[in-house]
Amino acid sequence: MTGRDGVEANARLTASTSAVLFALLAAEGVTILRIRGLLSVHVFIGMLLIPPVLLKMGSTSYRFARYYLGSPAYRRDGPPPAVLRVIGPFAVVLTAVVLASGVALLLVRPTVRPSLLSLHKASFVLWFGVMGIHVLGHLSDTTRRASLDWMRRTRRRVAGAGVRQWALVSSLCAGGLLGWLLVSQVGQWLASAARDLGR
């Protein structure tokens, strides 16, 4: 694979993962509107998100490292716009806080839950603002590239489409398994948490 093909392969993986995350986050947003009745679904989708989020962080971190370590192909491709570079670290940190606090809510003692729930809600509000800018900034590129590895006409133009497909599908399978395991273990907790969130 040439240097240019490597850049394009990374961009395709990032874009297809971003498209899947956008759909999952939209579904997660719907559950927030009726959190008491949809808390189990909210938890399941939250767990489903974690492996694809890690996959996207991996692909973007790889691009970041290759660019700043001086890879000629990545240098020619150029950096993201300045505003996206500035908010990038905030997007990563806030995403980690939102997901980690959500997982922790399933595991902590009831006495700790109110403080952790406040952190989860506050970090989500900040995350939503940052992510809105992030999505708009990458919308054109994501729309253009997200389907390229999945269409017969374009997937063969850059080697490794099957590996990239496998990585994304595997991340969703891992997330689904994680969601199923946690939701099935916390039925009573979800009932009490639904009461807390509905207050």
N, C-alpha and C. Protein backbone atom coordinates (compact mmCIF):
# COMPACT_ATOMS: atom_id res chain seq x y z
N MET A 1 0.85 -1.19 0.00
CA MET A 1 0.00 0.00 0.00
C MET A 1 0.89 1.24 0.00
N THR A 2 0.63 2.16 -0.93
CA THR A 2 1.42 3.39 -0.99
C THR A 2 1.07 4.30 0.17
N GLY A 3 1.92 5.34 0.34
CA GLY A 3 1.64 6.30 1.40
C GLY A 3 0.31 6.97 1.24
N ARG A 4 -0.02 7.34 0.01
CA ARG A 4 -1.30 8.00 -0.24
C ARG A 4 -2.46 7.06 0.04
N ASP A 5 -2.30 5.77 -0.36
CA ASP A 5 -3.35 4.80 -0.06
C ASP A 5 -3.53 4.60 1.45
N GLY A 6 -2.42 4.67 2.18
CA GLY A 6 -2.51 4.55 3.64
C GLY A 6 -3.31 5.68 4.25
N VAL A 7 -3.11 6.89 3.75
CA VAL A 7 -3.88 8.04 4.23
C VAL A 7 -5.35 7.84 3.93
N GLU A 8 -5.64 7.40 2.72
CA GLU A 8 -7.04 7.20 2.32
C GLU A 8 -7.68 6.06 3.11
N ALA A 9 -6.93 5.00 3.35
CA ALA A 9 -7.46 3.88 4.13
C ALA A 9 -7.84 4.34 5.54
N ASN A 10 -6.96 5.11 6.15
CA ASN A 10 -7.24 5.64 7.49
C ASN A 10 -8.47 6.54 7.46
N ALA A 11 -8.56 7.38 6.43
CA ALA A 11 -9.70 8.30 6.33
C ALA A 11 -11.01 7.53 6.13
N ARG A 12 -10.96 6.46 5.36
CA ARG A 12 -12.16 5.65 5.15
C ARG A 12 -12.62 4.98 6.44
N LEU A 13 -11.69 4.43 7.19
CA LEU A 13 -12.05 3.80 8.46
C LEU A 13 -12.64 4.82 9.42
N THR A 14 -12.02 5.98 9.50
CA THR A 14 -12.52 7.03 10.38
C THR A 14 -13.92 7.47 9.96
N ALA A 15 -14.13 7.64 8.66
CA ALA A 15 -15.42 8.13 8.17
C ALA A 15 -16.53 7.10 8.38
N SER A 16 -16.26 5.83 8.07
CA SER A 16 -17.31 4.82 8.24
C SER A 16 -17.64 4.62 9.71
N THR A 17 -16.63 4.68 10.57
CA THR A 17 -16.89 4.57 12.00
C THR A 17 -17.67 5.77 12.50
N SER A 18 -17.33 6.95 12.00
CA SER A 18 -18.05 8.17 12.38
C SER A 18 -19.52 8.09 12.00
N ALA A 19 -19.80 7.57 10.81
CA ALA A 19 -21.19 7.46 10.36
C ALA A 19 -21.99 6.53 11.28
N VAL A 20 -21.38 5.40 11.66
CA VAL A 20 -22.05 4.47 12.57
C VAL A 20 -22.28 5.13 13.93
N LEU A 21 -21.26 5.84 14.42
CA LEU A 21 -21.40 6.53 15.71
C LEU A 21 -22.49 7.59 15.66
N PHE A 22 -22.57 8.30 14.56
CA PHE A 22 -23.62 9.32 14.43
C PHE A 22 -25.00 8.69 14.55
N ALA A 23 -25.21 7.55 13.88
CA ALA A 23 -26.50 6.88 13.96
C ALA A 23 -26.79 6.39 15.38
N LEU A 24 -25.79 5.81 16.03
CA LEU A 24 -25.97 5.32 17.39
C LEU A 24 -26.23 6.46 18.37
N LEU A 25 -25.52 7.56 18.20
CA LEU A 25 -25.71 8.71 19.09
C LEU A 25 -27.08 9.34 18.88
N ALA A 26 -27.57 9.34 17.65
CA ALA A 26 -28.92 9.83 17.40
C ALA A 26 -29.95 8.96 18.14
N ALA A 27 -29.75 7.64 18.07
CA ALA A 27 -30.64 6.74 18.80
C ALA A 27 -30.54 6.95 20.31
N GLU A 28 -29.32 7.17 20.79
CA GLU A 28 -29.13 7.44 22.22
C GLU A 28 -29.83 8.73 22.62
N GLY A 29 -29.80 9.72 21.74
CA GLY A 29 -30.48 10.98 22.02
C GLY A 29 -31.98 10.79 22.17
N VAL A 30 -32.56 9.91 21.36
CA VAL A 30 -33.99 9.63 21.47
C VAL A 30 -34.32 9.05 22.84
N THR A 31 -33.46 8.19 23.36
CA THR A 31 -33.74 7.58 24.67
C THR A 31 -33.73 8.62 25.78
N ILE A 32 -32.94 9.69 25.61
CA ILE A 32 -32.88 10.73 26.64
C ILE A 32 -34.23 11.43 26.78
N LEU A 33 -34.97 11.52 25.69
CA LEU A 33 -36.27 12.20 25.72
C LEU A 33 -37.28 11.46 26.59
N ARG A 34 -37.09 10.15 26.75
CA ARG A 34 -37.99 9.35 27.60
C ARG A 34 -37.12 8.41 28.43
N ILE A 35 -36.25 9.01 29.24
CA ILE A 35 -35.22 8.22 29.92
C ILE A 35 -35.80 7.22 30.90
N ARG A 36 -36.91 7.56 31.55
CA ARG A 36 -37.46 6.63 32.53
C ARG A 36 -37.91 5.33 31.87
N GLY A 37 -38.60 5.44 30.76
CA GLY A 37 -39.10 4.24 30.09
C GLY A 37 -38.07 3.55 29.22
N LEU A 38 -37.03 4.28 28.82
CA LEU A 38 -36.05 3.73 27.88
C LEU A 38 -34.66 3.60 28.49
N LEU A 39 -34.59 3.51 29.81
CA LEU A 39 -33.27 3.48 30.45
C LEU A 39 -32.48 2.24 30.07
N SER A 40 -33.14 1.09 29.96
CA SER A 40 -32.42 -0.12 29.55
C SER A 40 -31.84 0.04 28.15
N VAL A 41 -32.63 0.63 27.25
CA VAL A 41 -32.14 0.87 25.89
C VAL A 41 -31.00 1.89 25.91
N HIS A 42 -31.14 2.92 26.75
CA HIS A 42 -30.10 3.93 26.89
C HIS A 42 -28.77 3.30 27.34
N VAL A 43 -28.86 2.42 28.31
CA VAL A 43 -27.66 1.75 28.81
C VAL A 43 -27.07 0.84 27.73
N PHE A 44 -27.93 0.09 27.05
CA PHE A 44 -27.43 -0.83 26.02
C PHE A 44 -26.71 -0.07 24.91
N ILE A 45 -27.32 1.01 24.42
CA ILE A 45 -26.67 1.77 23.35
C ILE A 45 -25.39 2.42 23.85
N GLY A 46 -25.40 2.89 25.10
CA GLY A 46 -24.19 3.47 25.67
C GLY A 46 -23.04 2.48 25.68
N MET A 47 -23.32 1.24 26.05
CA MET A 47 -22.28 0.21 26.03
C MET A 47 -21.89 -0.16 24.60
N LEU A 48 -22.88 -0.19 23.71
CA LEU A 48 -22.62 -0.49 22.30
C LEU A 48 -21.68 0.54 21.68
N LEU A 49 -21.75 1.77 22.16
CA LEU A 49 -20.92 2.84 21.61
C LEU A 49 -19.44 2.70 21.93
N ILE A 50 -19.12 2.07 23.05
CA ILE A 50 -17.74 2.14 23.56
C ILE A 50 -16.71 1.57 22.59
N PRO A 51 -16.85 0.34 22.09
CA PRO A 51 -15.81 -0.15 21.16
C PRO A 51 -15.67 0.66 19.87
N PRO A 52 -16.78 1.07 19.20
CA PRO A 52 -16.59 1.93 18.02
C PRO A 52 -15.94 3.27 18.35
N VAL A 53 -16.24 3.83 19.52
CA VAL A 53 -15.57 5.07 19.93
C VAL A 53 -14.07 4.84 20.06
N LEU A 54 -13.69 3.72 20.67
CA LEU A 54 -12.27 3.40 20.81
C LEU A 54 -11.62 3.18 19.44
N LEU A 55 -12.36 2.56 18.52
CA LEU A 55 -11.84 2.36 17.17
C LEU A 55 -11.59 3.70 16.48
N LYS A 56 -12.53 4.62 16.62
CA LYS A 56 -12.35 5.93 15.99
C LYS A 56 -11.21 6.69 16.64
N MET A 57 -11.12 6.64 17.96
CA MET A 57 -10.00 7.29 18.63
C MET A 57 -8.67 6.72 18.15
N GLY A 58 -8.65 5.40 17.92
CA GLY A 58 -7.44 4.77 17.43
C GLY A 58 -7.06 5.26 16.04
N SER A 59 -8.04 5.35 15.14
CA SER A 59 -7.74 5.78 13.77
C SER A 59 -7.33 7.25 13.72
N THR A 60 -7.99 8.09 14.51
CA THR A 60 -7.63 9.51 14.50
C THR A 60 -6.30 9.74 15.21
N SER A 61 -6.03 8.98 16.26
CA SER A 61 -4.74 9.11 16.94
C SER A 61 -3.59 8.67 16.04
N TYR A 62 -3.85 7.63 15.25
CA TYR A 62 -2.83 7.16 14.30
C TYR A 62 -2.53 8.26 13.28
N ARG A 63 -3.56 8.88 12.74
CA ARG A 63 -3.35 9.97 11.78
C ARG A 63 -2.59 11.12 12.43
N PHE A 64 -2.98 11.46 13.65
CA PHE A 64 -2.32 12.54 14.40
C PHE A 64 -0.83 12.24 14.55
N ALA A 65 -0.54 11.01 14.97
CA ALA A 65 0.86 10.64 15.20
C ALA A 65 1.66 10.66 13.90
N ARG A 66 1.10 10.09 12.83
CA ARG A 66 1.82 10.06 11.57
C ARG A 66 2.08 11.48 11.03
N TYR A 67 1.10 12.35 11.20
CA TYR A 67 1.27 13.73 10.71
C TYR A 67 2.38 14.44 11.49
N TYR A 68 2.31 14.37 12.82
CA TYR A 68 3.28 15.13 13.62
C TYR A 68 4.65 14.46 13.71
N LEU A 69 4.72 13.19 13.32
CA LEU A 69 6.03 12.54 13.23
C LEU A 69 6.66 12.72 11.85
N GLY A 70 5.97 13.42 10.98
CA GLY A 70 6.56 13.83 9.71
C GLY A 70 6.37 12.89 8.54
N SER A 71 5.37 12.01 8.59
CA SER A 71 5.11 11.14 7.45
C SER A 71 4.80 11.98 6.22
N PRO A 72 5.56 11.83 5.13
CA PRO A 72 5.34 12.68 3.95
C PRO A 72 3.91 12.64 3.42
N ALA A 73 3.30 11.44 3.35
CA ALA A 73 1.95 11.33 2.82
C ALA A 73 0.94 12.07 3.70
N TYR A 74 1.07 11.92 5.01
CA TYR A 74 0.15 12.61 5.92
C TYR A 74 0.43 14.11 5.95
N ARG A 75 1.67 14.52 5.80
CA ARG A 75 1.99 15.94 5.74
C ARG A 75 1.39 16.57 4.49
N ARG A 76 1.45 15.84 3.37
CA ARG A 76 0.86 16.37 2.14
C ARG A 76 -0.65 16.49 2.26
N ASP A 77 -1.26 15.55 2.97
CA ASP A 77 -2.71 15.60 3.15
C ASP A 77 -3.13 16.78 4.01
N GLY A 78 -2.23 17.23 4.87
CA GLY A 78 -2.48 18.42 5.68
C GLY A 78 -3.24 18.13 6.96
N PRO A 79 -3.23 19.09 7.89
CA PRO A 79 -3.94 18.92 9.16
C PRO A 79 -5.41 19.30 9.02
N PRO A 80 -6.23 18.92 9.98
CA PRO A 80 -7.61 19.41 10.00
C PRO A 80 -7.62 20.93 10.19
N PRO A 81 -8.76 21.57 9.92
CA PRO A 81 -8.87 23.01 10.20
C PRO A 81 -8.51 23.32 11.65
N ALA A 82 -8.01 24.54 11.88
CA ALA A 82 -7.50 24.91 13.21
C ALA A 82 -8.52 24.71 14.31
N VAL A 83 -9.77 25.09 14.07
CA VAL A 83 -10.78 24.99 15.13
C VAL A 83 -11.00 23.53 15.53
N LEU A 84 -10.92 22.61 14.55
CA LEU A 84 -11.11 21.20 14.86
C LEU A 84 -9.91 20.64 15.62
N ARG A 85 -8.73 21.16 15.33
CA ARG A 85 -7.55 20.73 16.10
C ARG A 85 -7.64 21.21 17.53
N VAL A 86 -8.20 22.40 17.74
CA VAL A 86 -8.32 22.95 19.10
C VAL A 86 -9.33 22.15 19.92
N ILE A 87 -10.47 21.84 19.32
CA ILE A 87 -11.51 21.15 20.11
C ILE A 87 -11.28 19.65 20.18
N GLY A 88 -10.37 19.11 19.36
CA GLY A 88 -10.14 17.67 19.35
C GLY A 88 -9.85 17.08 20.72
N PRO A 89 -8.89 17.63 21.46
CA PRO A 89 -8.61 17.07 22.80
C PRO A 89 -9.81 17.15 23.74
N PHE A 90 -10.58 18.25 23.64
CA PHE A 90 -11.77 18.38 24.49
C PHE A 90 -12.81 17.32 24.12
N ALA A 91 -12.94 17.04 22.82
CA ALA A 91 -13.89 16.02 22.38
C ALA A 91 -13.50 14.65 22.94
N VAL A 92 -12.21 14.35 22.91
CA VAL A 92 -11.73 13.06 23.41
C VAL A 92 -11.97 12.94 24.91
N VAL A 93 -11.58 13.97 25.66
CA VAL A 93 -11.71 13.93 27.12
C VAL A 93 -13.17 13.86 27.54
N LEU A 94 -14.01 14.70 26.94
CA LEU A 94 -15.43 14.71 27.31
C LEU A 94 -16.12 13.41 26.93
N THR A 95 -15.76 12.85 25.78
CA THR A 95 -16.32 11.55 25.40
C THR A 95 -15.95 10.49 26.43
N ALA A 96 -14.70 10.50 26.85
CA ALA A 96 -14.24 9.53 27.86
C ALA A 96 -14.99 9.72 29.17
N VAL A 97 -15.20 10.96 29.59
CA VAL A 97 -15.89 11.23 30.85
C VAL A 97 -17.35 10.79 30.78
N VAL A 98 -18.02 11.12 29.67
CA VAL A 98 -19.43 10.74 29.53
C VAL A 98 -19.57 9.22 29.58
N LEU A 99 -18.77 8.52 28.81
CA LEU A 99 -18.88 7.05 28.77
C LEU A 99 -18.43 6.40 30.08
N ALA A 100 -17.32 6.88 30.64
CA ALA A 100 -16.82 6.29 31.88
C ALA A 100 -17.79 6.52 33.04
N SER A 101 -18.35 7.71 33.12
CA SER A 101 -19.31 7.99 34.20
C SER A 101 -20.58 7.16 34.01
N GLY A 102 -20.98 6.94 32.75
CA GLY A 102 -22.14 6.09 32.50
C GLY A 102 -21.91 4.66 32.94
N VAL A 103 -20.74 4.13 32.63
CA VAL A 103 -20.40 2.77 33.07
C VAL A 103 -20.32 2.71 34.59
N ALA A 104 -19.68 3.71 35.18
CA ALA A 104 -19.52 3.72 36.64
C ALA A 104 -20.86 3.77 37.36
N LEU A 105 -21.83 4.45 36.76
CA LEU A 105 -23.17 4.52 37.37
C LEU A 105 -23.78 3.14 37.54
N LEU A 106 -23.39 2.20 36.69
CA LEU A 106 -23.92 0.85 36.79
C LEU A 106 -23.26 0.04 37.89
N LEU A 107 -22.12 0.51 38.36
CA LEU A 107 -21.30 -0.30 39.26
C LEU A 107 -21.16 0.25 40.66
N VAL A 108 -21.45 1.54 40.87
CA VAL A 108 -21.19 2.16 42.17
C VAL A 108 -22.31 1.88 43.16
N ARG A 109 -22.00 2.14 44.42
CA ARG A 109 -23.01 2.03 45.47
C ARG A 109 -24.05 3.14 45.32
N PRO A 110 -25.28 2.91 45.77
CA PRO A 110 -26.34 3.93 45.64
C PRO A 110 -25.96 5.28 46.25
N THR A 111 -25.15 5.28 47.32
CA THR A 111 -24.80 6.55 47.97
C THR A 111 -23.92 7.44 47.08
N VAL A 112 -23.20 6.84 46.17
CA VAL A 112 -22.30 7.59 45.29
C VAL A 112 -23.02 8.04 44.03
N ARG A 113 -24.14 7.42 43.72
CA ARG A 113 -24.81 7.64 42.44
C ARG A 113 -25.21 9.08 42.17
N PRO A 114 -25.76 9.84 43.14
CA PRO A 114 -26.18 11.22 42.81
C PRO A 114 -25.04 12.10 42.29
N SER A 115 -23.88 12.03 42.93
CA SER A 115 -22.75 12.84 42.46
C SER A 115 -22.28 12.40 41.09
N LEU A 116 -22.23 11.11 40.89
CA LEU A 116 -21.79 10.59 39.61
C LEU A 116 -22.79 10.91 38.50
N LEU A 117 -24.07 10.86 38.84
CA LEU A 117 -25.10 11.21 37.87
C LEU A 117 -25.00 12.68 37.47
N SER A 118 -24.69 13.54 38.44
CA SER A 118 -24.49 14.96 38.12
C SER A 118 -23.31 15.15 37.17
N LEU A 119 -22.23 14.42 37.40
CA LEU A 119 -21.08 14.48 36.51
C LEU A 119 -21.45 13.99 35.11
N HIS A 120 -22.20 12.91 35.05
CA HIS A 120 -22.62 12.34 33.76
C HIS A 120 -23.45 13.36 32.97
N LYS A 121 -24.38 14.01 33.65
CA LYS A 121 -25.24 14.98 32.98
C LYS A 121 -24.46 16.22 32.55
N ALA A 122 -23.63 16.74 33.44
CA ALA A 122 -22.86 17.96 33.13
C ALA A 122 -21.87 17.72 31.99
N SER A 123 -21.19 16.59 32.04
CA SER A 123 -20.22 16.29 30.97
C SER A 123 -20.93 16.07 29.65
N PHE A 124 -22.14 15.53 29.69
CA PHE A 124 -22.90 15.35 28.46
C PHE A 124 -23.24 16.69 27.82
N VAL A 125 -23.65 17.66 28.64
CA VAL A 125 -24.00 18.98 28.10
C VAL A 125 -22.79 19.61 27.41
N LEU A 126 -21.64 19.56 28.06
CA LEU A 126 -20.42 20.10 27.46
C LEU A 126 -20.03 19.31 26.21
N TRP A 127 -20.13 17.99 26.31
CA TRP A 127 -19.80 17.12 25.18
C TRP A 127 -20.68 17.43 23.98
N PHE A 128 -21.96 17.67 24.21
CA PHE A 128 -22.91 17.92 23.13
C PHE A 128 -22.51 19.17 22.33
N GLY A 129 -22.10 20.22 23.05
CA GLY A 129 -21.67 21.43 22.37
C GLY A 129 -20.42 21.23 21.54
N VAL A 130 -19.43 20.59 22.13
CA VAL A 130 -18.17 20.33 21.42
C VAL A 130 -18.41 19.40 20.24
N MET A 131 -19.21 18.37 20.46
CA MET A 131 -19.43 17.39 19.40
C MET A 131 -20.23 17.98 18.25
N GLY A 132 -21.10 18.95 18.54
CA GLY A 132 -21.82 19.60 17.46
C GLY A 132 -20.86 20.27 16.48
N ILE A 133 -19.87 20.96 17.02
CA ILE A 133 -18.86 21.60 16.17
C ILE A 133 -18.05 20.55 15.42
N HIS A 134 -17.67 19.50 16.14
CA HIS A 134 -16.88 18.42 15.55
C HIS A 134 -17.61 17.77 14.37
N VAL A 135 -18.88 17.45 14.56
CA VAL A 135 -19.66 16.79 13.51
C VAL A 135 -19.81 17.70 12.29
N LEU A 136 -20.14 18.95 12.53
CA LEU A 136 -20.30 19.88 11.41
C LEU A 136 -19.00 20.04 10.64
N GLY A 137 -17.88 20.08 11.38
CA GLY A 137 -16.58 20.26 10.74
C GLY A 137 -16.17 19.09 9.87
N HIS A 138 -16.64 17.89 10.22
CA HIS A 138 -16.25 16.69 9.47
C HIS A 138 -17.39 16.13 8.62
N LEU A 139 -18.52 16.81 8.57
CA LEU A 139 -19.70 16.26 7.91
C LEU A 139 -19.46 15.98 6.43
N SER A 140 -18.84 16.92 5.75
CA SER A 140 -18.63 16.75 4.31
C SER A 140 -17.72 15.56 4.02
N ASP A 141 -16.61 15.46 4.74
CA ASP A 141 -15.67 14.37 4.51
C ASP A 141 -16.28 13.03 4.88
N THR A 142 -17.03 12.99 5.98
CA THR A 142 -17.67 11.74 6.40
C THR A 142 -18.70 11.29 5.38
N THR A 143 -19.51 12.23 4.89
CA THR A 143 -20.53 11.90 3.90
C THR A 143 -19.89 11.36 2.62
N ARG A 144 -18.77 11.94 2.25
CA ARG A 144 -18.11 11.55 1.00
C ARG A 144 -17.43 10.19 1.10
N ARG A 145 -16.88 9.84 2.27
CA ARG A 145 -16.05 8.65 2.37
C ARG A 145 -16.68 7.47 3.10
N ALA A 146 -17.72 7.69 3.87
CA ALA A 146 -18.21 6.65 4.79
C ALA A 146 -18.61 5.36 4.08
N SER A 147 -19.15 5.46 2.89
CA SER A 147 -19.66 4.26 2.20
C SER A 147 -18.66 3.64 1.24
N LEU A 148 -17.48 4.24 1.06
CA LEU A 148 -16.57 3.80 0.00
C LEU A 148 -16.09 2.36 0.19
N ASP A 149 -15.86 1.95 1.43
CA ASP A 149 -15.41 0.57 1.68
C ASP A 149 -16.55 -0.44 1.58
N TRP A 150 -17.77 0.02 1.44
CA TRP A 150 -18.92 -0.87 1.47
C TRP A 150 -19.60 -1.00 0.11
N MET A 151 -19.09 -0.27 -0.87
CA MET A 151 -19.65 -0.30 -2.22
C MET A 151 -18.70 -1.04 -3.15
N ARG A 152 -19.24 -1.98 -3.93
CA ARG A 152 -18.40 -2.80 -4.80
C ARG A 152 -17.56 -1.95 -5.75
N ARG A 153 -18.13 -0.85 -6.22
CA ARG A 153 -17.45 -0.02 -7.21
C ARG A 153 -16.22 0.67 -6.66
N THR A 154 -16.20 0.97 -5.37
CA THR A 154 -15.11 1.78 -4.81
C THR A 154 -14.24 1.06 -3.78
N ARG A 155 -14.70 -0.05 -3.23
CA ARG A 155 -13.96 -0.63 -2.10
C ARG A 155 -12.61 -1.21 -2.51
N ARG A 156 -12.46 -1.60 -3.80
CA ARG A 156 -11.22 -2.22 -4.24
C ARG A 156 -10.15 -1.20 -4.62
N ARG A 157 -10.51 0.07 -4.64
CA ARG A 157 -9.55 1.09 -5.05
C ARG A 157 -8.46 1.31 -4.00
N VAL A 158 -8.76 0.96 -2.76
CA VAL A 158 -7.77 1.08 -1.67
C VAL A 158 -7.72 -0.27 -0.95
N ALA A 159 -6.55 -0.85 -0.89
CA ALA A 159 -6.39 -2.18 -0.28
C ALA A 159 -6.82 -2.17 1.18
N GLY A 160 -7.29 -3.31 1.65
CA GLY A 160 -7.61 -3.47 3.07
C GLY A 160 -9.04 -3.17 3.44
N ALA A 161 -9.95 -3.05 2.45
CA ALA A 161 -11.34 -2.75 2.78
C ALA A 161 -11.94 -3.82 3.68
N GLY A 162 -11.61 -5.08 3.41
CA GLY A 162 -12.14 -6.16 4.23
C GLY A 162 -11.70 -6.08 5.68
N VAL A 163 -10.46 -5.70 5.89
CA VAL A 163 -9.94 -5.55 7.25
C VAL A 163 -10.66 -4.41 7.97
N ARG A 164 -10.86 -3.32 7.24
CA ARG A 164 -11.55 -2.17 7.86
C ARG A 164 -13.01 -2.51 8.17
N GLN A 165 -13.66 -3.25 7.26
CA GLN A 165 -15.03 -3.69 7.53
C GLN A 165 -15.06 -4.59 8.76
N TRP A 166 -14.12 -5.53 8.81
CA TRP A 166 -14.06 -6.45 9.94
C TRP A 166 -13.85 -5.71 11.25
N ALA A 167 -12.99 -4.69 11.24
CA ALA A 167 -12.73 -3.92 12.47
C ALA A 167 -13.99 -3.23 12.96
N LEU A 168 -14.74 -2.63 12.04
CA LEU A 168 -15.95 -1.91 12.45
C LEU A 168 -17.03 -2.87 12.93
N VAL A 169 -17.27 -3.93 12.17
CA VAL A 169 -18.30 -4.90 12.56
C VAL A 169 -17.93 -5.56 13.89
N SER A 170 -16.66 -5.89 14.06
CA SER A 170 -16.22 -6.51 15.31
C SER A 170 -16.42 -5.58 16.50
N SER A 171 -16.17 -4.29 16.29
CA SER A 171 -16.37 -3.34 17.38
C SER A 171 -17.84 -3.27 17.78
N LEU A 172 -18.73 -3.36 16.80
CA LEU A 172 -20.16 -3.35 17.11
C LEU A 172 -20.58 -4.63 17.82
N CYS A 173 -20.03 -5.76 17.39
CA CYS A 173 -20.34 -7.02 18.07
C CYS A 173 -19.86 -6.99 19.52
N ALA A 174 -18.65 -6.46 19.73
CA ALA A 174 -18.12 -6.36 21.09
C ALA A 174 -18.98 -5.44 21.94
N GLY A 175 -19.41 -4.33 21.35
CA GLY A 175 -20.28 -3.41 22.08
C GLY A 175 -21.63 -4.02 22.40
N GLY A 176 -22.18 -4.77 21.44
CA GLY A 176 -23.46 -5.43 21.70
C GLY A 176 -23.35 -6.45 22.82
N LEU A 177 -22.25 -7.20 22.84
CA LEU A 177 -22.03 -8.18 23.92
C LEU A 177 -21.89 -7.47 25.26
N LEU A 178 -21.14 -6.37 25.27
CA LEU A 178 -20.96 -5.61 26.51
C LEU A 178 -22.29 -5.08 27.00
N GLY A 179 -23.09 -4.52 26.08
CA GLY A 179 -24.40 -4.01 26.46
C GLY A 179 -25.30 -5.09 27.01
N TRP A 180 -25.31 -6.24 26.35
CA TRP A 180 -26.16 -7.34 26.80
C TRP A 180 -25.74 -7.81 28.19
N LEU A 181 -24.45 -7.95 28.42
CA LEU A 181 -23.96 -8.42 29.71
C LEU A 181 -24.33 -7.47 30.84
N LEU A 182 -24.13 -6.16 30.60
CA LEU A 182 -24.38 -5.20 31.68
C LEU A 182 -25.86 -5.00 31.92
N VAL A 183 -26.66 -4.87 30.86
CA VAL A 183 -28.09 -4.67 31.06
C VAL A 183 -28.71 -5.87 31.75
N SER A 184 -28.28 -7.07 31.39
CA SER A 184 -28.86 -8.26 32.00
C SER A 184 -28.48 -8.41 33.47
N GLN A 185 -27.44 -7.73 33.91
CA GLN A 185 -26.97 -7.84 35.29
C GLN A 185 -27.53 -6.78 36.22
N VAL A 186 -28.18 -5.76 35.65
CA VAL A 186 -28.52 -4.61 36.50
C VAL A 186 -30.00 -4.25 36.43
N GLY A 187 -30.84 -5.27 36.33
CA GLY A 187 -32.27 -4.99 36.24
C GLY A 187 -32.81 -4.18 37.41
N GLN A 188 -32.48 -4.58 38.64
CA GLN A 188 -32.97 -3.85 39.80
C GLN A 188 -32.38 -2.45 39.87
N TRP A 189 -31.09 -2.36 39.53
CA TRP A 189 -30.45 -1.04 39.54
C TRP A 189 -31.14 -0.11 38.54
N LEU A 190 -31.46 -0.61 37.37
CA LEU A 190 -32.10 0.21 36.35
C LEU A 190 -33.46 0.71 36.82
N ALA A 191 -34.18 -0.12 37.54
CA ALA A 191 -35.49 0.30 38.05
C ALA A 191 -35.35 1.46 39.03
N SER A 192 -34.37 1.36 39.97
CA SER A 192 -34.17 2.43 40.94
C SER A 192 -33.59 3.67 40.27
N ALA A 193 -32.70 3.48 39.29
CA ALA A 193 -32.12 4.62 38.59
C ALA A 193 -33.16 5.35 37.78
N ALA A 194 -34.09 4.62 37.20
CA ALA A 194 -35.18 5.25 36.44
C ALA A 194 -36.00 6.16 37.35
N ARG A 195 -36.23 5.71 38.59
CA ARG A 195 -36.95 6.55 39.55
C ARG A 195 -36.15 7.79 39.88
N ASP A 196 -34.82 7.63 40.06
CA ASP A 196 -33.98 8.78 40.37
C ASP A 196 -33.96 9.79 39.23
N LEU A 197 -33.83 9.29 38.00
CA LEU A 197 -33.74 10.19 36.84
C LEU A 197 -35.08 10.87 36.58
N GLY A 198 -36.16 10.24 36.97
CA GLY A 198 -37.47 10.84 36.72
C GLY A 198 -37.89 11.87 37.73
N ARG A 199 -37.12 12.07 38.77
CA ARG A 199 -37.49 13.03 39.81
C ARG A 199 -37.31 14.46 39.31
